[in-house]
PDB file of N, CA and C in Angstrom:
ATOM      1  N   MET A   1      15.933   0.259  14.499  1.00  0.00           N
ATOM      2  CA  MET A   1      16.109  -0.764  13.482  1.00  0.00           C
ATOM      3  C   MET A   1      14.882  -1.669  13.418  1.00  0.00           C
ATOM      4  N   TYR A   2      14.720  -2.249  12.280  1.00  0.00           N
ATOM      5  CA  TYR A   2      13.558  -3.082  12.027  1.00  0.00           C
ATOM      6  C   TYR A   2      14.006  -4.501  11.697  1.00  0.00           C
ATOM      7  N   LYS A   3      13.282  -5.113  10.837  1.00  0.00           N
ATOM      8  CA  LYS A   3      13.532  -6.482  10.402  1.00  0.00           C
ATOM      9  C   LYS A   3      14.995  -6.658   9.971  1.00  0.00           C
ATOM     10  N   GLU A   4      15.605  -7.703  10.455  1.00  0.00           N
ATOM     11  CA  GLU A   4      16.990  -8.062  10.118  1.00  0.00           C
ATOM     12  C   GLU A   4      17.971  -6.948  10.475  1.00  0.00           C
ATOM     13  N   GLY A   5      17.601  -6.076  11.415  1.00  0.00           N
ATOM     14  CA  GLY A   5      18.496  -4.998  11.822  1.00  0.00           C
ATOM     15  C   GLY A   5      18.687  -3.928  10.756  1.00  0.00           C
ATOM     16  N   LYS A   6      17.741  -3.809   9.826  1.00  0.00           N
ATOM     17  CA  LYS A   6      17.850  -2.833   8.742  1.00  0.00           C
ATOM     18  C   LYS A   6      16.774  -1.769   8.880  1.00  0.00           C
ATOM     19  N   SER A   7      17.044  -0.606   8.331  1.00  0.00           N
ATOM     20  CA  SER A   7      16.064   0.478   8.345  1.00  0.00           C
ATOM     21  C   SER A   7      15.007   0.216   7.275  1.00  0.00           C
ATOM     22  N   PRO A   8      13.854   0.883   7.361  1.00  0.00           N
ATOM     23  CA  PRO A   8      12.838   0.729   6.321  1.00  0.00           C
ATOM     24  C   PRO A   8      13.376   1.069   4.929  1.00  0.00           C
ATOM     25  N   TRP A   9      14.228   2.085   4.840  1.00  0.00           N
ATOM     26  CA  TRP A   9      14.796   2.462   3.536  1.00  0.00           C
ATOM     27  C   TRP A   9      15.663   1.333   2.986  1.00  0.00           C
ATOM     28  N   GLN A  10      16.485   0.713   3.825  1.00  0.00           N
ATOM     29  CA  GLN A  10      17.334  -0.386   3.370  1.00  0.00           C
ATOM     30  C   GLN A  10      16.494  -1.562   2.880  1.00  0.00           C
ATOM     31  N   LEU A  11      15.423  -1.887   3.601  1.00  0.00           N
ATOM     32  CA  LEU A  11      14.551  -2.985   3.185  1.00  0.00           C
ATOM     33  C   LEU A  11      13.878  -2.676   1.856  1.00  0.00           C
ATOM     34  N   ALA A  12      13.392  -1.437   1.688  1.00  0.00           N
ATOM     35  CA  ALA A  12      12.730  -1.050   0.439  1.00  0.00           C
ATOM     36  C   ALA A  12      13.720  -1.049  -0.718  1.00  0.00           C
ATOM     37  N   ALA A  13      14.928  -0.551  -0.488  1.00  0.00           N
ATOM     38  CA  ALA A  13      15.940  -0.492  -1.553  1.00  0.00           C
ATOM     39  C   ALA A  13      16.365  -1.883  -2.003  1.00  0.00           C
ATOM     40  N   GLU A  14      16.313  -2.870  -1.116  1.00  0.00           N
ATOM     41  CA  GLU A  14      16.631  -4.240  -1.521  1.00  0.00           C
ATOM     42  C   GLU A  14      15.570  -4.788  -2.469  1.00  0.00           C
ATOM     43  N   LYS A  15      14.306  -4.470  -2.196  1.00  0.00           N
ATOM     44  CA  LYS A  15      13.221  -4.974  -3.033  1.00  0.00           C
ATOM     45  C   LYS A  15      13.114  -4.214  -4.354  1.00  0.00           C
ATOM     46  N   VAL A  16      13.370  -2.909  -4.315  1.00  0.00           N
ATOM     47  CA  VAL A  16      13.288  -2.059  -5.515  1.00  0.00           C
ATOM     48  C   VAL A  16      14.585  -1.251  -5.581  1.00  0.00           C
ATOM     49  N   PRO A  17      15.615  -1.799  -6.217  1.00  0.00           N
ATOM     50  CA  PRO A  17      16.919  -1.139  -6.223  1.00  0.00           C
ATOM     51  C   PRO A  17      16.924   0.274  -6.819  1.00  0.00           C
ATOM     52  N   ASN A  18      16.057   0.554  -7.772  1.00  0.00           N
ATOM     53  CA  ASN A  18      16.048   1.880  -8.401  1.00  0.00           C
ATOM     54  C   ASN A  18      15.019   2.816  -7.758  1.00  0.00           C
ATOM     55  N   LEU A  19      14.651   2.551  -6.520  1.00  0.00           N
ATOM     56  CA  LEU A  19      13.680   3.365  -5.794  1.00  0.00           C
ATOM     57  C   LEU A  19      14.240   4.767  -5.583  1.00  0.00           C
ATOM     58  N   LYS A  20      13.449   5.768  -5.938  1.00  0.00           N
ATOM     59  CA  LYS A  20      13.893   7.151  -5.800  1.00  0.00           C
ATOM     60  C   LYS A  20      13.737   7.607  -4.353  1.00  0.00           C
ATOM     61  N   LYS A  21      14.615   8.489  -3.936  1.00  0.00           N
ATOM     62  CA  LYS A  21      14.564   8.982  -2.561  1.00  0.00           C
ATOM     63  C   LYS A  21      13.335   9.835  -2.297  1.00  0.00           C
ATOM     64  N   GLU A  22      12.655  10.280  -3.350  1.00  0.00           N
ATOM     65  CA  GLU A  22      11.412  11.030  -3.179  1.00  0.00           C
ATOM     66  C   GLU A  22      10.343  10.166  -2.512  1.00  0.00           C
ATOM     67  N   ALA A  23      10.508   8.854  -2.583  1.00  0.00           N
ATOM     68  CA  ALA A  23       9.549   7.941  -1.935  1.00  0.00           C
ATOM     69  C   ALA A  23       9.524   8.169  -0.429  1.00  0.00           C
ATOM     70  N   LEU A  24      10.604   8.693   0.123  1.00  0.00           N
ATOM     71  CA  LEU A  24      10.646   8.988   1.553  1.00  0.00           C
ATOM     72  C   LEU A  24       9.717  10.139   1.916  1.00  0.00           C
ATOM     73  N   MET A  25       9.306  10.921   0.924  1.00  0.00           N
ATOM     74  CA  MET A  25       8.441  12.072   1.166  1.00  0.00           C
ATOM     75  C   MET A  25       6.964  11.688   1.208  1.00  0.00           C
ATOM     76  N   LEU A  26       6.627  10.460   0.832  1.00  0.00           N
ATOM     77  CA  LEU A  26       5.233  10.026   0.844  1.00  0.00           C
ATOM     78  C   LEU A  26       4.720   9.981   2.284  1.00  0.00           C
ATOM     79  N   PRO A  27       3.505  10.450   2.500  1.00  0.00           N
ATOM     80  CA  PRO A  27       2.972  10.425   3.864  1.00  0.00           C
ATOM     81  C   PRO A  27       2.619   8.998   4.288  1.00  0.00           C
ATOM     82  N   PRO A  28       2.663   8.725   5.580  1.00  0.00           N
ATOM     83  CA  PRO A  28       2.275   7.395   6.053  1.00  0.00           C
ATOM     84  C   PRO A  28       0.772   7.193   5.898  1.00  0.00           C
ATOM     85  N   ILE A  29       0.350   5.944   5.823  1.00  0.00           N
ATOM     86  CA  ILE A  29      -1.063   5.609   5.698  1.00  0.00           C
ATOM     87  C   ILE A  29      -1.501   4.929   6.985  1.00  0.00           C
ATOM     88  N   ASP A  30      -2.558   5.446   7.605  1.00  0.00           N
ATOM     89  CA  ASP A  30      -3.125   4.812   8.792  1.00  0.00           C
ATOM     90  C   ASP A  30      -4.051   3.694   8.301  1.00  0.00           C
ATOM     91  N   LEU A  31      -3.596   2.459   8.400  1.00  0.00           N
ATOM     92  CA  LEU A  31      -4.354   1.332   7.858  1.00  0.00           C
ATOM     93  C   LEU A  31      -5.676   1.117   8.576  1.00  0.00           C
ATOM     94  N   ASP A  32      -5.757   1.442   9.857  1.00  0.00           N
ATOM     95  CA  ASP A  32      -7.023   1.307  10.583  1.00  0.00           C
ATOM     96  C   ASP A  32      -8.094   2.206   9.967  1.00  0.00           C
ATOM     97  N   ILE A  33      -7.729   3.437   9.666  1.00  0.00           N
ATOM     98  CA  ILE A  33      -8.688   4.367   9.053  1.00  0.00           C
ATOM     99  C   ILE A  33      -9.020   3.913   7.635  1.00  0.00           C
ATOM    100  N   ALA A  34      -8.019   3.498   6.874  1.00  0.00           N
ATOM    101  CA  ALA A  34      -8.247   3.076   5.488  1.00  0.00           C
ATOM    102  C   ALA A  34      -9.196   1.882   5.423  1.00  0.00           C
ATOM    103  N   ILE A  35      -9.012   0.922   6.310  1.00  0.00           N
ATOM    104  CA  ILE A  35      -9.863  -0.271   6.299  1.00  0.00           C
ATOM    105  C   ILE A  35     -11.278   0.058   6.749  1.00  0.00           C
ATOM    106  N   ASN A  36     -11.407   0.911   7.752  1.00  0.00           N
ATOM    107  CA  ASN A  36     -12.727   1.236   8.292  1.00  0.00           C
ATOM    108  C   ASN A  36     -13.539   2.151   7.382  1.00  0.00           C
ATOM    109  N   THR A  37     -12.904   2.863   6.466  1.00  0.00           N
ATOM    110  CA  THR A  37     -13.646   3.783   5.600  1.00  0.00           C
ATOM    111  C   THR A  37     -13.953   3.192   4.229  1.00  0.00           C
ATOM    112  N   CYS A  38     -13.384   2.054   3.887  1.00  0.00           N
ATOM    113  CA  CYS A  38     -13.665   1.487   2.564  1.00  0.00           C
ATOM    114  C   CYS A  38     -14.928   0.620   2.621  1.00  0.00           C
ATOM    115  N   ALA A  39     -15.536   0.441   1.469  1.00  0.00           N
ATOM    116  CA  ALA A  39     -16.750  -0.367   1.383  1.00  0.00           C
ATOM    117  C   ALA A  39     -16.426  -1.822   1.716  1.00  0.00           C
ATOM    118  N   LEU A  40     -17.363  -2.486   2.333  1.00  0.00           N
ATOM    119  CA  LEU A  40     -17.138  -3.862   2.745  1.00  0.00           C
ATOM    120  C   LEU A  40     -17.509  -4.851   1.647  1.00  0.00           C
ATOM    121  N   GLY A  41     -16.590  -5.701   1.311  1.00  0.00           N
ATOM    122  CA  GLY A  41     -16.791  -6.871   0.481  1.00  0.00           C
ATOM    123  C   GLY A  41     -17.492  -6.718  -0.850  1.00  0.00           C
ATOM    124  N   GLY A  42     -17.430  -7.787  -1.606  1.00  0.00           N
ATOM    125  CA  GLY A  42     -18.158  -7.901  -2.853  1.00  0.00           C
ATOM    126  C   GLY A  42     -17.478  -7.279  -4.052  1.00  0.00           C
ATOM    127  N   ASN A  43     -17.999  -7.628  -5.185  1.00  0.00           N
ATOM    128  CA  ASN A  43     -17.536  -7.074  -6.453  1.00  0.00           C
ATOM    129  C   ASN A  43     -18.667  -6.288  -7.065  1.00  0.00           C
ATOM    130  N   TYR A  44     -18.327  -5.260  -7.805  1.00  0.00           N
ATOM    131  CA  TYR A  44     -19.346  -4.490  -8.481  1.00  0.00           C
ATOM    132  C   TYR A  44     -19.718  -5.213  -9.771  1.00  0.00           C
ATOM    133  N   VAL A  45     -20.876  -5.822  -9.796  1.00  0.00           N
ATOM    134  CA  VAL A  45     -21.336  -6.581 -10.955  1.00  0.00           C
ATOM    135  C   VAL A  45     -22.743  -6.109 -11.302  1.00  0.00           C
ATOM    136  N   LEU A  46     -22.946  -5.836 -12.579  1.00  0.00           N
ATOM    137  CA  LEU A  46     -24.273  -5.420 -13.021  1.00  0.00           C
ATOM    138  C   LEU A  46     -25.259  -6.568 -12.853  1.00  0.00           C
ATOM    139  N   THR A  47     -26.469  -6.275 -12.390  1.00  0.00           N
ATOM    140  CA  THR A  47     -27.465  -7.326 -12.194  1.00  0.00           C
ATOM    141  C   THR A  47     -28.195  -7.653 -13.484  1.00  0.00           C
ATOM    142  N   ASN A  48     -28.317  -6.688 -14.391  1.00  0.00           N
ATOM    143  CA  ASN A  48     -29.003  -6.904 -15.664  1.00  0.00           C
ATOM    144  C   ASN A  48     -28.069  -6.521 -16.818  1.00  0.00           C
ATOM    145  N   PRO A  49     -27.188  -7.432 -17.179  1.00  0.00           N
ATOM    146  CA  PRO A  49     -26.271  -7.084 -18.280  1.00  0.00           C
ATOM    147  C   PRO A  49     -27.040  -6.869 -19.571  1.00  0.00           C
ATOM    148  N   PHE A  50     -26.569  -5.943 -20.358  1.00  0.00           N
ATOM    149  CA  PHE A  50     -27.220  -5.660 -21.641  1.00  0.00           C
ATOM    150  C   PHE A  50     -26.215  -5.901 -22.755  1.00  0.00           C
ATOM    151  N   PHE A  51     -26.736  -6.257 -23.917  1.00  0.00           N
ATOM    152  CA  PHE A  51     -25.874  -6.576 -25.052  1.00  0.00           C
ATOM    153  C   PHE A  51     -26.110  -5.613 -26.173  1.00  0.00           C
TER     154      PHE A  51
END
């Protein structure tokens, strides 16, 4: 059991009542890998805008 003694499915169903059970088939995401492989900071902004 997790937060408030509920399963992850129960918590998700409370937030999104029409959540399809196919959502249980989604693979887990390793956040450590995701954070370490993404580009660090900033916004993509053109330095020489053209009109």
